[in-house]
Amino acid sequence: MKRETVDLSALAADIASRLRQNHPERPAEFLITHGLTAMGDERLLTVALENLFGNAWKFSEKTPRTVIEFGVTDAGGDPAFFVKDNGAGFDMAYANKLFNPFQRLHHAAEFSGTGIGLATVKRIISRHGGRVWIEGAV
């Protein structure tokens, strides 16, 4: 891993721009907090954010207007970066399954995907010494 200061806000804006470009017909709003940085491997953090934004995009496709937010909050004195969306959501009783490879809470016919995105995110964040969790509701 090549650790350096990574502009997470710029990465998020780039990913949002690509999602808009690839789906110009889809109404979407991206709320990205400016100036968010972290120490880490830019390539790996890009993969993690692409997976998180991709999930937010996918699971909000059935809403009239997608809203995806990227920001930071306080988690017991430590910064916690988050991706938040207004999508389908899930039952928190199954949250522990979501970071395991090939675990899905929605049928493939309802939402596409392989079930490895969040497992990839967890591995990347763990390699950076961080932790990852998910919160939601149906």
C-alpha atoms as a PDB file:
ATOM      1  CA  MET A   1       0.000   0.000   0.000  1.00  0.00           C
ATOM      2  CA  LYS A   2       1.169   3.475  -0.834  1.00  0.00           C
ATOM      3  CA  ARG A   3      -0.064   5.737   1.974  1.00  0.00           C
ATOM      4  CA  GLU A   4      -0.582   9.379   1.115  1.00  0.00           C
ATOM      5  CA  THR A   5      -3.115  12.123   1.756  1.00  0.00           C
ATOM      6  CA  VAL A   6      -6.133  11.313  -0.407  1.00  0.00           C
ATOM      7  CA  ASP A   7      -8.775  13.884  -1.337  1.00  0.00           C
ATOM      8  CA  LEU A   8     -11.876  11.788  -0.716  1.00  0.00           C
ATOM      9  CA  SER A   9     -14.191  14.631  -1.744  1.00  0.00           C
ATOM     10  CA  ALA A  10     -12.533  14.815  -5.167  1.00  0.00           C
ATOM     11  CA  LEU A  11     -12.769  11.030  -5.564  1.00  0.00           C
ATOM     12  CA  ALA A  12     -16.460  11.123  -4.628  1.00  0.00           C
ATOM     13  CA  ALA A  13     -17.124  13.977  -7.069  1.00  0.00           C
ATOM     14  CA  ASP A  14     -15.378  12.070  -9.867  1.00  0.00           C
ATOM     15  CA  ILE A  15     -17.419   8.925  -9.181  1.00  0.00           C
ATOM     16  CA  ALA A  16     -20.637  10.961  -9.070  1.00  0.00           C
ATOM     17  CA  SER A  17     -19.719  12.607 -12.376  1.00  0.00           C
ATOM     18  CA  ARG A  18     -19.173   9.219 -14.019  1.00  0.00           C
ATOM     19  CA  LEU A  19     -22.507   7.910 -12.717  1.00  0.00           C
ATOM     20  CA  ARG A  20     -24.272  10.984 -14.150  1.00  0.00           C
ATOM     21  CA  GLN A  21     -22.434  10.601 -17.477  1.00  0.00           C
ATOM     22  CA  ASN A  22     -23.318   6.926 -17.793  1.00  0.00           C
ATOM     23  CA  HIS A  23     -26.984   7.530 -16.880  1.00  0.00           C
ATOM     24  CA  PRO A  24     -27.912  11.051 -18.085  1.00  0.00           C
ATOM     25  CA  GLU A  25     -31.613  10.146 -18.085  1.00  0.00           C
ATOM     26  CA  ARG A  26     -31.691   9.492 -14.359  1.00  0.00           C
ATOM     27  CA  PRO A  27     -32.487  12.364 -11.995  1.00  0.00           C
ATOM     28  CA  ALA A  28     -29.934  12.327  -9.195  1.00  0.00           C
ATOM     29  CA  GLU A  29     -28.573  14.673  -6.586  1.00  0.00           C
ATOM     30  CA  PHE A  30     -25.141  14.201  -5.032  1.00  0.00           C
ATOM     31  CA  LEU A  31     -24.386  15.964  -1.759  1.00  0.00           C
ATOM     32  CA  ILE A  32     -20.621  15.794  -1.293  1.00  0.00           C
ATOM     33  CA  THR A  33     -18.922  17.491   1.651  1.00  0.00           C
ATOM     34  CA  HIS A  34     -15.884  19.382   0.391  1.00  0.00           C
ATOM     35  CA  GLY A  35     -12.415  19.110   1.890  1.00  0.00           C
ATOM     36  CA  LEU A  36     -12.590  15.530   3.178  1.00  0.00           C
ATOM     37  CA  THR A  37      -9.186  13.847   3.207  1.00  0.00           C
ATOM     38  CA  ALA A  38      -7.698  10.690   4.678  1.00  0.00           C
ATOM     39  CA  MET A  39      -4.343   8.947   4.789  1.00  0.00           C
ATOM     40  CA  GLY A  40      -4.396   5.857   2.630  1.00  0.00           C
ATOM     41  CA  ASP A  41      -3.822   4.198  -0.683  1.00  0.00           C
ATOM     42  CA  GLU A  42      -5.653   6.260  -3.298  1.00  0.00           C
ATOM     43  CA  ARG A  43      -6.218   3.325  -5.645  1.00  0.00           C
ATOM     44  CA  LEU A  44      -7.763   1.157  -2.929  1.00  0.00           C
ATOM     45  CA  LEU A  45      -9.855   3.981  -1.493  1.00  0.00           C
ATOM     46  CA  THR A  46     -11.157   4.692  -4.997  1.00  0.00           C
ATOM     47  CA  VAL A  47     -12.292   1.061  -5.300  1.00  0.00           C
ATOM     48  CA  ALA A  48     -14.010   1.281  -1.903  1.00  0.00           C
ATOM     49  CA  LEU A  49     -15.851   4.499  -2.806  1.00  0.00           C
ATOM     50  CA  GLU A  50     -16.814   3.159  -6.233  1.00  0.00           C
ATOM     51  CA  ASN A  51     -18.409   0.150  -4.548  1.00  0.00           C
ATOM     52  CA  LEU A  52     -20.224   2.274  -1.975  1.00  0.00           C
ATOM     53  CA  PHE A  53     -21.484   4.792  -4.522  1.00  0.00           C
ATOM     54  CA  GLY A  54     -22.371   1.955  -6.903  1.00  0.00           C
ATOM     55  CA  ASN A  55     -24.513   0.315  -4.229  1.00  0.00           C
ATOM     56  CA  ALA A  56     -26.169   3.617  -3.342  1.00  0.00           C
ATOM     57  CA  TRP A  57     -26.875   4.213  -7.037  1.00  0.00           C
ATOM     58  CA  LYS A  58     -28.188   0.696  -7.636  1.00  0.00           C
ATOM     59  CA  PHE A  59     -30.435   0.457  -4.604  1.00  0.00           C
ATOM     60  CA  SER A  60     -31.966   3.894  -5.178  1.00  0.00           C
ATOM     61  CA  GLU A  61     -32.802   3.295  -8.846  1.00  0.00           C
ATOM     62  CA  LYS A  62     -36.507   2.786  -8.078  1.00  0.00           C
ATOM     63  CA  THR A  63     -36.918   6.121  -6.313  1.00  0.00           C
ATOM     64  CA  PRO A  64     -38.262   9.072  -8.317  1.00  0.00           C
ATOM     65  CA  ARG A  65     -35.105  11.081  -7.597  1.00  0.00           C
ATOM     66  CA  THR A  66     -31.899   9.541  -6.304  1.00  0.00           C
ATOM     67  CA  VAL A  67     -30.119  11.377  -3.495  1.00  0.00           C
ATOM     68  CA  ILE A  68     -26.636  10.194  -2.514  1.00  0.00           C
ATOM     69  CA  GLU A  69     -24.660  11.928   0.210  1.00  0.00           C
ATOM     70  CA  PHE A  70     -20.975  11.626   1.101  1.00  0.00           C
ATOM     71  CA  GLY A  71     -19.792  13.200   4.315  1.00  0.00           C
ATOM     72  CA  VAL A  72     -18.209  12.746   7.706  1.00  0.00           C
ATOM     73  CA  THR A  73     -19.612  12.398  11.201  1.00  0.00           C
ATOM     74  CA  ASP A  74     -18.196  11.891  14.671  1.00  0.00           C
ATOM     75  CA  ALA A  75     -17.926   8.274  15.864  1.00  0.00           C
ATOM     76  CA  GLY A  76     -16.784   8.445  19.452  1.00  0.00           C
ATOM     77  CA  GLY A  77     -14.200  11.135  18.814  1.00  0.00           C
ATOM     78  CA  ASP A  78     -13.011   9.687  15.506  1.00  0.00           C
ATOM     79  CA  PRO A  79     -14.117  10.827  12.061  1.00  0.00           C
ATOM     80  CA  ALA A  80     -16.401   8.368  10.251  1.00  0.00           C
ATOM     81  CA  PHE A  81     -16.905   8.880   6.537  1.00  0.00           C
ATOM     82  CA  PHE A  82     -20.291   7.828   5.192  1.00  0.00           C
ATOM     83  CA  VAL A  83     -22.242   7.246   2.008  1.00  0.00           C
ATOM     84  CA  LYS A  84     -25.977   7.673   2.484  1.00  0.00           C
ATOM     85  CA  ASP A  85     -28.805   7.164  -0.006  1.00  0.00           C
ATOM     86  CA  ASN A  86     -32.590   7.212  -0.235  1.00  0.00           C
ATOM     87  CA  GLY A  87     -32.832   3.731  -1.741  1.00  0.00           C
ATOM     88  CA  ALA A  88     -34.604   0.476  -0.968  1.00  0.00           C
ATOM     89  CA  GLY A  89     -32.947  -0.043   2.397  1.00  0.00           C
ATOM     90  CA  PHE A  90     -32.810  -3.319   4.301  1.00  0.00           C
ATOM     91  CA  ASP A  91     -33.781  -4.968   7.558  1.00  0.00           C
ATOM     92  CA  MET A  92     -31.038  -4.337  10.160  1.00  0.00           C
ATOM     93  CA  ALA A  93     -31.535  -7.893  11.441  1.00  0.00           C
ATOM     94  CA  TYR A  94     -29.496  -9.003   8.400  1.00  0.00           C
ATOM     95  CA  ALA A  95     -26.817  -6.276   8.469  1.00  0.00           C
ATOM     96  CA  ASN A  96     -24.093  -8.650   9.693  1.00  0.00           C
ATOM     97  CA  LYS A  97     -24.407 -10.696   6.480  1.00  0.00           C
ATOM     98  CA  LEU A  98     -23.758  -7.810   4.113  1.00  0.00           C
ATOM     99  CA  PHE A  99     -19.981  -7.701   4.466  1.00  0.00           C
ATOM    100  CA  ASN A 100     -19.586 -11.408   3.703  1.00  0.00           C
ATOM    101  CA  PRO A 101     -18.820 -12.387   0.093  1.00  0.00           C
ATOM    102  CA  PHE A 102     -21.803 -13.369  -2.058  1.00  0.00           C
ATOM    103  CA  GLN A 103     -24.372 -12.361   0.570  1.00  0.00           C
ATOM    104  CA  ARG A 104     -27.379 -10.516  -0.779  1.00  0.00           C
ATOM    105  CA  LEU A 105     -30.572  -9.291   0.833  1.00  0.00           C
ATOM    106  CA  HIS A 106     -32.381  -8.588  -2.423  1.00  0.00           C
ATOM    107  CA  HIS A 107     -33.043 -11.066  -5.218  1.00  0.00           C
ATOM    108  CA  ALA A 108     -30.849 -10.790  -8.313  1.00  0.00           C
ATOM    109  CA  ALA A 109     -33.975 -10.199 -10.400  1.00  0.00           C
ATOM    110  CA  GLU A 110     -34.748  -7.126  -8.295  1.00  0.00           C
ATOM    111  CA  PHE A 111     -31.212  -5.639  -8.196  1.00  0.00           C
ATOM    112  CA  SER A 112     -28.190  -6.826 -10.184  1.00  0.00           C
ATOM    113  CA  GLY A 113     -24.802  -7.560  -8.661  1.00  0.00           C
ATOM    114  CA  THR A 114     -22.490 -10.279  -7.431  1.00  0.00           C
ATOM    115  CA  GLY A 115     -22.584  -9.748  -3.678  1.00  0.00           C
ATOM    116  CA  ILE A 116     -18.868  -8.980  -3.313  1.00  0.00           C
ATOM    117  CA  GLY A 117     -18.910  -5.167  -3.265  1.00  0.00           C
ATOM    118  CA  LEU A 118     -19.291  -4.658   0.484  1.00  0.00           C
ATOM    119  CA  ALA A 119     -16.903  -7.525   1.246  1.00  0.00           C
ATOM    120  CA  THR A 120     -14.343  -5.699  -0.903  1.00  0.00           C
ATOM    121  CA  VAL A 121     -15.036  -2.439   0.935  1.00  0.00           C
ATOM    122  CA  LYS A 122     -14.584  -4.146   4.310  1.00  0.00           C
ATOM    123  CA  ARG A 123     -11.261  -5.647   3.276  1.00  0.00           C
ATOM    124  CA  ILE A 124      -9.944  -2.314   1.985  1.00  0.00           C
ATOM    125  CA  ILE A 125     -11.024  -0.376   5.067  1.00  0.00           C
ATOM    126  CA  SER A 126      -9.601  -3.079   7.352  1.00  0.00           C
ATOM    127  CA  ARG A 127      -6.249  -2.891   5.542  1.00  0.00           C
ATOM    128  CA  HIS A 128      -6.253   0.823   6.336  1.00  0.00           C
ATOM    129  CA  GLY A 129      -6.835   0.123  10.024  1.00  0.00           C
ATOM    130  CA  GLY A 130     -10.412   1.345   9.954  1.00  0.00           C
ATOM    131  CA  ARG A 131     -13.761  -0.231  10.509  1.00  0.00           C
ATOM    132  CA  VAL A 132     -16.896  -0.279   8.416  1.00  0.00           C
ATOM    133  CA  TRP A 133     -20.539  -0.767   9.293  1.00  0.00           C
ATOM    134  CA  ILE A 134     -23.934  -0.284   7.764  1.00  0.00           C
ATOM    135  CA  GLU A 135     -27.147   1.223   9.071  1.00  0.00           C
ATOM    136  CA  GLY A 136     -30.502   1.149   7.382  1.00  0.00           C
ATOM    137  CA  ALA A 137     -34.202   0.488   7.387  1.00  0.00           C
ATOM    138  CA  VAL A 138     -36.607  -0.890   4.815  1.00  0.00           C
END
